[in-house]
Amino acid sequence: MSSKIEEILAEEGAAAEQHDLADTMPTDITVARPNLTRPTVVSVRLSADEHARLQRAAAQEHLPVSTLLRIWALDRLRTEEGGGELSVAERLRRLEQAVFQHTV
């Protein structure tokens, strides 16, 4: 690397260290880190097709894949913890899913 590039990188690094985000953030903006209360990460192995399907579903909802999966998992837990009673819509969705899986 040339000394000019190294000098620029050093200057930028020093400026970043001295930068205070509060000085540049508008007062009506609140910075939040919502995932700090969820320190556990779960890895799930999926086929390329399954991952693509998840990406499409998440894109339709304008959500990251991980957020959509978290919503689905927590909804399922709430359903199961609530005595296992499913709504009519959920029972219909499961029936449709089972029928279409067997016809494909």
N, C-alpha and C. Protein backbone atom coordinates (compact mmCIF):
# COMPACT_ATOMS: atom_id res chain seq x y z
N MET A 1 0.84 -1.17 0.00
CA MET A 1 0.00 0.00 0.00
C MET A 1 0.88 1.24 0.00
N SER A 2 0.46 2.26 -0.73
CA SER A 2 1.27 3.47 -0.76
C SER A 2 1.12 4.24 0.54
N SER A 3 2.09 5.07 0.83
CA SER A 3 2.05 5.84 2.07
C SER A 3 0.88 6.81 2.08
N LYS A 4 0.45 7.30 0.92
CA LYS A 4 -0.69 8.22 0.85
C LYS A 4 -1.97 7.51 1.29
N ILE A 5 -2.16 6.30 0.82
CA ILE A 5 -3.35 5.52 1.21
C ILE A 5 -3.30 5.23 2.70
N GLU A 6 -2.15 4.83 3.20
CA GLU A 6 -2.02 4.55 4.63
C GLU A 6 -2.30 5.80 5.45
N GLU A 7 -1.85 6.94 4.97
CA GLU A 7 -2.08 8.21 5.68
C GLU A 7 -3.58 8.54 5.72
N ILE A 8 -4.24 8.36 4.58
CA ILE A 8 -5.68 8.63 4.52
C ILE A 8 -6.44 7.68 5.44
N LEU A 9 -6.09 6.39 5.42
CA LEU A 9 -6.75 5.41 6.30
C LEU A 9 -6.54 5.76 7.76
N ALA A 10 -5.34 6.19 8.12
CA ALA A 10 -5.05 6.57 9.50
C ALA A 10 -5.88 7.78 9.90
N GLU A 11 -6.00 8.76 9.01
CA GLU A 11 -6.80 9.95 9.30
C GLU A 11 -8.27 9.60 9.47
N GLU A 12 -8.78 8.76 8.58
CA GLU A 12 -10.18 8.35 8.66
C GLU A 12 -10.45 7.55 9.93
N GLY A 13 -9.52 6.68 10.29
CA GLY A 13 -9.67 5.90 11.51
C GLY A 13 -9.69 6.79 12.74
N ALA A 14 -8.80 7.77 12.78
CA ALA A 14 -8.76 8.70 13.91
C ALA A 14 -10.04 9.52 13.97
N ALA A 15 -10.53 9.97 12.82
CA ALA A 15 -11.77 10.75 12.79
C ALA A 15 -12.95 9.91 13.27
N ALA A 16 -12.99 8.64 12.88
CA ALA A 16 -14.07 7.76 13.31
C ALA A 16 -14.04 7.54 14.81
N GLU A 17 -12.85 7.41 15.37
CA GLU A 17 -12.71 7.22 16.82
C GLU A 17 -13.21 8.44 17.59
N GLN A 18 -13.03 9.62 17.03
CA GLN A 18 -13.40 10.87 17.70
C GLN A 18 -14.85 11.26 17.44
N HIS A 19 -15.48 10.64 16.45
CA HIS A 19 -16.83 11.01 16.04
C HIS A 19 -17.84 10.61 17.11
N ASP A 20 -18.75 11.53 17.41
CA ASP A 20 -19.82 11.26 18.36
C ASP A 20 -21.13 11.23 17.58
N LEU A 21 -21.77 10.08 17.53
CA LEU A 21 -23.00 9.91 16.77
C LEU A 21 -24.08 10.87 17.25
N ALA A 22 -24.11 11.16 18.54
CA ALA A 22 -25.14 12.06 19.09
C ALA A 22 -25.06 13.45 18.47
N ASP A 23 -23.89 13.86 18.03
CA ASP A 23 -23.73 15.18 17.41
C ASP A 23 -24.39 15.25 16.04
N THR A 24 -24.53 14.14 15.36
CA THR A 24 -25.06 14.16 14.00
C THR A 24 -26.46 13.58 13.88
N MET A 25 -26.96 12.92 14.91
CA MET A 25 -28.29 12.32 14.85
C MET A 25 -29.35 13.37 15.13
N PRO A 26 -30.42 13.40 14.34
CA PRO A 26 -31.53 14.31 14.64
C PRO A 26 -32.12 13.98 16.01
N THR A 27 -32.63 14.97 16.70
CA THR A 27 -33.13 14.77 18.07
C THR A 27 -34.38 13.90 18.11
N ASP A 28 -35.12 13.81 17.00
CA ASP A 28 -36.34 13.00 17.00
C ASP A 28 -36.09 11.53 16.67
N ILE A 29 -34.85 11.14 16.47
CA ILE A 29 -34.49 9.76 16.15
C ILE A 29 -34.03 9.05 17.42
N THR A 30 -34.59 7.87 17.66
CA THR A 30 -34.19 7.06 18.79
C THR A 30 -33.45 5.84 18.26
N VAL A 31 -32.25 5.63 18.76
CA VAL A 31 -31.47 4.47 18.36
C VAL A 31 -31.86 3.31 19.27
N ALA A 32 -32.18 2.18 18.68
CA ALA A 32 -32.59 1.01 19.46
C ALA A 32 -31.85 -0.22 18.97
N ARG A 33 -31.63 -1.14 19.88
CA ARG A 33 -31.03 -2.43 19.54
C ARG A 33 -31.97 -3.50 20.09
N PRO A 34 -33.04 -3.78 19.35
CA PRO A 34 -34.08 -4.66 19.87
C PRO A 34 -33.64 -6.10 20.10
N ASN A 35 -32.61 -6.57 19.43
CA ASN A 35 -32.22 -7.97 19.57
C ASN A 35 -31.28 -8.23 20.72
N LEU A 36 -30.95 -7.22 21.51
CA LEU A 36 -30.05 -7.44 22.63
C LEU A 36 -30.68 -8.33 23.70
N THR A 37 -32.01 -8.40 23.72
CA THR A 37 -32.69 -9.26 24.69
C THR A 37 -32.81 -10.70 24.20
N ARG A 38 -32.34 -10.96 22.98
CA ARG A 38 -32.41 -12.30 22.41
C ARG A 38 -31.00 -12.76 22.05
N PRO A 39 -30.24 -13.21 23.04
CA PRO A 39 -28.84 -13.55 22.77
C PRO A 39 -28.62 -14.91 22.12
N THR A 40 -29.64 -15.74 22.03
CA THR A 40 -29.46 -17.09 21.49
C THR A 40 -29.76 -17.10 19.99
N VAL A 41 -28.86 -17.70 19.23
CA VAL A 41 -29.04 -17.83 17.79
C VAL A 41 -29.27 -19.31 17.48
N VAL A 42 -30.24 -19.60 16.63
CA VAL A 42 -30.54 -20.97 16.23
C VAL A 42 -30.24 -21.11 14.74
N SER A 43 -29.44 -22.10 14.40
CA SER A 43 -29.13 -22.36 12.99
C SER A 43 -30.05 -23.46 12.47
N VAL A 44 -30.50 -23.29 11.25
CA VAL A 44 -31.39 -24.26 10.63
C VAL A 44 -30.85 -24.59 9.25
N ARG A 45 -30.71 -25.88 8.95
CA ARG A 45 -30.23 -26.30 7.63
C ARG A 45 -31.42 -26.42 6.69
N LEU A 46 -31.30 -25.77 5.54
CA LEU A 46 -32.35 -25.80 4.53
C LEU A 46 -31.75 -26.12 3.17
N SER A 47 -32.57 -26.69 2.31
CA SER A 47 -32.12 -26.88 0.93
C SER A 47 -32.12 -25.52 0.24
N ALA A 48 -31.48 -25.44 -0.89
CA ALA A 48 -31.44 -24.18 -1.64
C ALA A 48 -32.86 -23.75 -2.03
N ASP A 49 -33.69 -24.73 -2.40
CA ASP A 49 -35.07 -24.42 -2.77
C ASP A 49 -35.86 -23.90 -1.57
N GLU A 50 -35.71 -24.54 -0.42
CA GLU A 50 -36.41 -24.09 0.78
C GLU A 50 -35.98 -22.67 1.15
N HIS A 51 -34.69 -22.41 1.06
CA HIS A 51 -34.18 -21.08 1.38
C HIS A 51 -34.73 -20.04 0.41
N ALA A 52 -34.80 -20.38 -0.86
CA ALA A 52 -35.35 -19.46 -1.86
C ALA A 52 -36.82 -19.17 -1.58
N ARG A 53 -37.56 -20.21 -1.20
CA ARG A 53 -38.98 -20.02 -0.86
C ARG A 53 -39.13 -19.11 0.34
N LEU A 54 -38.28 -19.30 1.34
CA LEU A 54 -38.31 -18.42 2.51
C LEU A 54 -37.98 -16.99 2.14
N GLN A 55 -36.99 -16.81 1.29
CA GLN A 55 -36.62 -15.47 0.86
C GLN A 55 -37.78 -14.78 0.13
N ARG A 56 -38.49 -15.53 -0.71
CA ARG A 56 -39.64 -14.95 -1.40
C ARG A 56 -40.75 -14.58 -0.42
N ALA A 57 -41.02 -15.46 0.53
CA ALA A 57 -42.05 -15.18 1.53
C ALA A 57 -41.68 -13.95 2.36
N ALA A 58 -40.43 -13.86 2.75
CA ALA A 58 -39.97 -12.71 3.54
C ALA A 58 -40.05 -11.43 2.72
N ALA A 59 -39.67 -11.51 1.45
CA ALA A 59 -39.72 -10.32 0.59
C ALA A 59 -41.16 -9.82 0.43
N GLN A 60 -42.10 -10.76 0.34
CA GLN A 60 -43.51 -10.37 0.22
C GLN A 60 -43.98 -9.61 1.46
N GLU A 61 -43.41 -9.94 2.60
CA GLU A 61 -43.77 -9.28 3.86
C GLU A 61 -42.87 -8.09 4.17
N HIS A 62 -41.89 -7.85 3.30
CA HIS A 62 -40.90 -6.77 3.51
C HIS A 62 -40.15 -6.96 4.83
N LEU A 63 -39.73 -8.20 5.08
CA LEU A 63 -39.01 -8.56 6.30
C LEU A 63 -37.75 -9.33 5.95
N PRO A 64 -36.75 -9.29 6.83
CA PRO A 64 -35.62 -10.20 6.67
C PRO A 64 -36.09 -11.64 6.93
N VAL A 65 -35.42 -12.60 6.34
CA VAL A 65 -35.78 -14.01 6.53
C VAL A 65 -35.78 -14.37 8.01
N SER A 66 -34.76 -13.93 8.75
CA SER A 66 -34.67 -14.30 10.17
C SER A 66 -35.86 -13.76 10.96
N THR A 67 -36.34 -12.58 10.62
CA THR A 67 -37.49 -12.01 11.32
C THR A 67 -38.74 -12.81 11.03
N LEU A 68 -38.93 -13.17 9.76
CA LEU A 68 -40.10 -13.97 9.40
C LEU A 68 -40.08 -15.32 10.11
N LEU A 69 -38.92 -15.97 10.14
CA LEU A 69 -38.81 -17.25 10.84
C LEU A 69 -39.10 -17.10 12.33
N ARG A 70 -38.60 -16.03 12.93
CA ARG A 70 -38.85 -15.80 14.36
C ARG A 70 -40.35 -15.62 14.61
N ILE A 71 -41.01 -14.82 13.75
CA ILE A 71 -42.46 -14.61 13.90
C ILE A 71 -43.20 -15.93 13.79
N TRP A 72 -42.87 -16.72 12.77
CA TRP A 72 -43.54 -18.00 12.59
C TRP A 72 -43.31 -18.93 13.78
N ALA A 73 -42.08 -19.02 14.25
CA ALA A 73 -41.76 -19.92 15.36
C ALA A 73 -42.48 -19.48 16.63
N LEU A 74 -42.46 -18.20 16.93
CA LEU A 74 -43.12 -17.72 18.15
C LEU A 74 -44.63 -17.85 18.06
N ASP A 75 -45.20 -17.64 16.88
CA ASP A 75 -46.64 -17.86 16.70
C ASP A 75 -46.99 -19.32 16.97
N ARG A 76 -46.17 -20.22 16.46
CA ARG A 76 -46.42 -21.65 16.67
C ARG A 76 -46.33 -22.01 18.16
N LEU A 77 -45.32 -21.46 18.84
CA LEU A 77 -45.19 -21.71 20.28
C LEU A 77 -46.41 -21.19 21.04
N ARG A 78 -46.87 -20.00 20.70
CA ARG A 78 -48.05 -19.44 21.37
C ARG A 78 -49.26 -20.34 21.15
N THR A 79 -49.40 -20.85 19.94
CA THR A 79 -50.52 -21.74 19.64
C THR A 79 -50.44 -23.01 20.47
N GLU A 80 -49.27 -23.61 20.50
CA GLU A 80 -49.10 -24.87 21.24
C GLU A 80 -49.22 -24.67 22.74
N GLU A 81 -48.72 -23.56 23.24
CA GLU A 81 -48.79 -23.31 24.68
C GLU A 81 -50.20 -22.91 25.11
N GLY A 82 -51.01 -22.48 24.16
CA GLY A 82 -52.38 -22.08 24.46
C GLY A 82 -53.33 -23.26 24.49
N GLY A 83 -52.83 -24.45 24.71
CA GLY A 83 -53.68 -25.63 24.77
C GLY A 83 -53.76 -26.38 23.46
N GLY A 84 -53.03 -25.91 22.48
CA GLY A 84 -53.01 -26.61 21.21
C GLY A 84 -54.21 -26.35 20.33
N GLU A 85 -55.14 -25.50 20.78
CA GLU A 85 -56.32 -25.21 19.99
C GLU A 85 -55.95 -24.27 18.85
N LEU A 86 -56.23 -24.68 17.64
CA LEU A 86 -55.88 -23.90 16.46
C LEU A 86 -57.10 -23.14 15.95
N SER A 87 -56.85 -22.00 15.36
CA SER A 87 -57.93 -21.23 14.75
C SER A 87 -58.42 -21.97 13.50
N VAL A 88 -59.59 -21.60 13.05
CA VAL A 88 -60.14 -22.19 11.83
C VAL A 88 -59.20 -21.90 10.66
N ALA A 89 -58.68 -20.69 10.60
CA ALA A 89 -57.77 -20.32 9.51
C ALA A 89 -56.51 -21.19 9.53
N GLU A 90 -55.97 -21.44 10.72
CA GLU A 90 -54.76 -22.26 10.82
C GLU A 90 -55.06 -23.71 10.44
N ARG A 91 -56.20 -24.23 10.88
CA ARG A 91 -56.57 -25.61 10.52
C ARG A 91 -56.75 -25.73 9.01
N LEU A 92 -57.37 -24.73 8.39
CA LEU A 92 -57.56 -24.73 6.94
C LEU A 92 -56.23 -24.65 6.22
N ARG A 93 -55.33 -23.80 6.70
CA ARG A 93 -54.01 -23.68 6.10
C ARG A 93 -53.27 -25.00 6.15
N ARG A 94 -53.33 -25.68 7.30
CA ARG A 94 -52.65 -26.98 7.44
C ARG A 94 -53.27 -28.04 6.54
N LEU A 95 -54.58 -28.02 6.42
CA LEU A 95 -55.26 -28.97 5.55
C LEU A 95 -54.84 -28.74 4.09
N GLU A 96 -54.86 -27.49 3.66
CA GLU A 96 -54.44 -27.17 2.29
C GLU A 96 -53.00 -27.60 2.06
N GLN A 97 -52.15 -27.34 3.02
CA GLN A 97 -50.74 -27.70 2.89
C GLN A 97 -50.59 -29.22 2.75
N ALA A 98 -51.30 -29.97 3.57
CA ALA A 98 -51.21 -31.43 3.51
C ALA A 98 -51.73 -31.96 2.18
N VAL A 99 -52.84 -31.40 1.70
CA VAL A 99 -53.42 -31.86 0.43
C VAL A 99 -52.48 -31.55 -0.72
N PHE A 100 -51.95 -30.33 -0.77
CA PHE A 100 -51.08 -29.95 -1.88
C PHE A 100 -49.75 -30.69 -1.85
N GLN A 101 -49.25 -31.03 -0.68
CA GLN A 101 -48.00 -31.79 -0.59
C GLN A 101 -48.18 -33.18 -1.18
N HIS A 102 -49.35 -33.76 -0.99
CA HIS A 102 -49.58 -35.12 -1.48
C HIS A 102 -49.96 -35.16 -2.96
N THR A 103 -50.38 -34.04 -3.53
CA THR A 103 -50.77 -34.03 -4.94
C THR A 103 -49.65 -33.62 -5.86
N VAL A 104 -48.58 -33.09 -5.31
CA VAL A 104 -47.46 -32.62 -6.16
C VAL A 104 -46.53 -33.74 -6.50
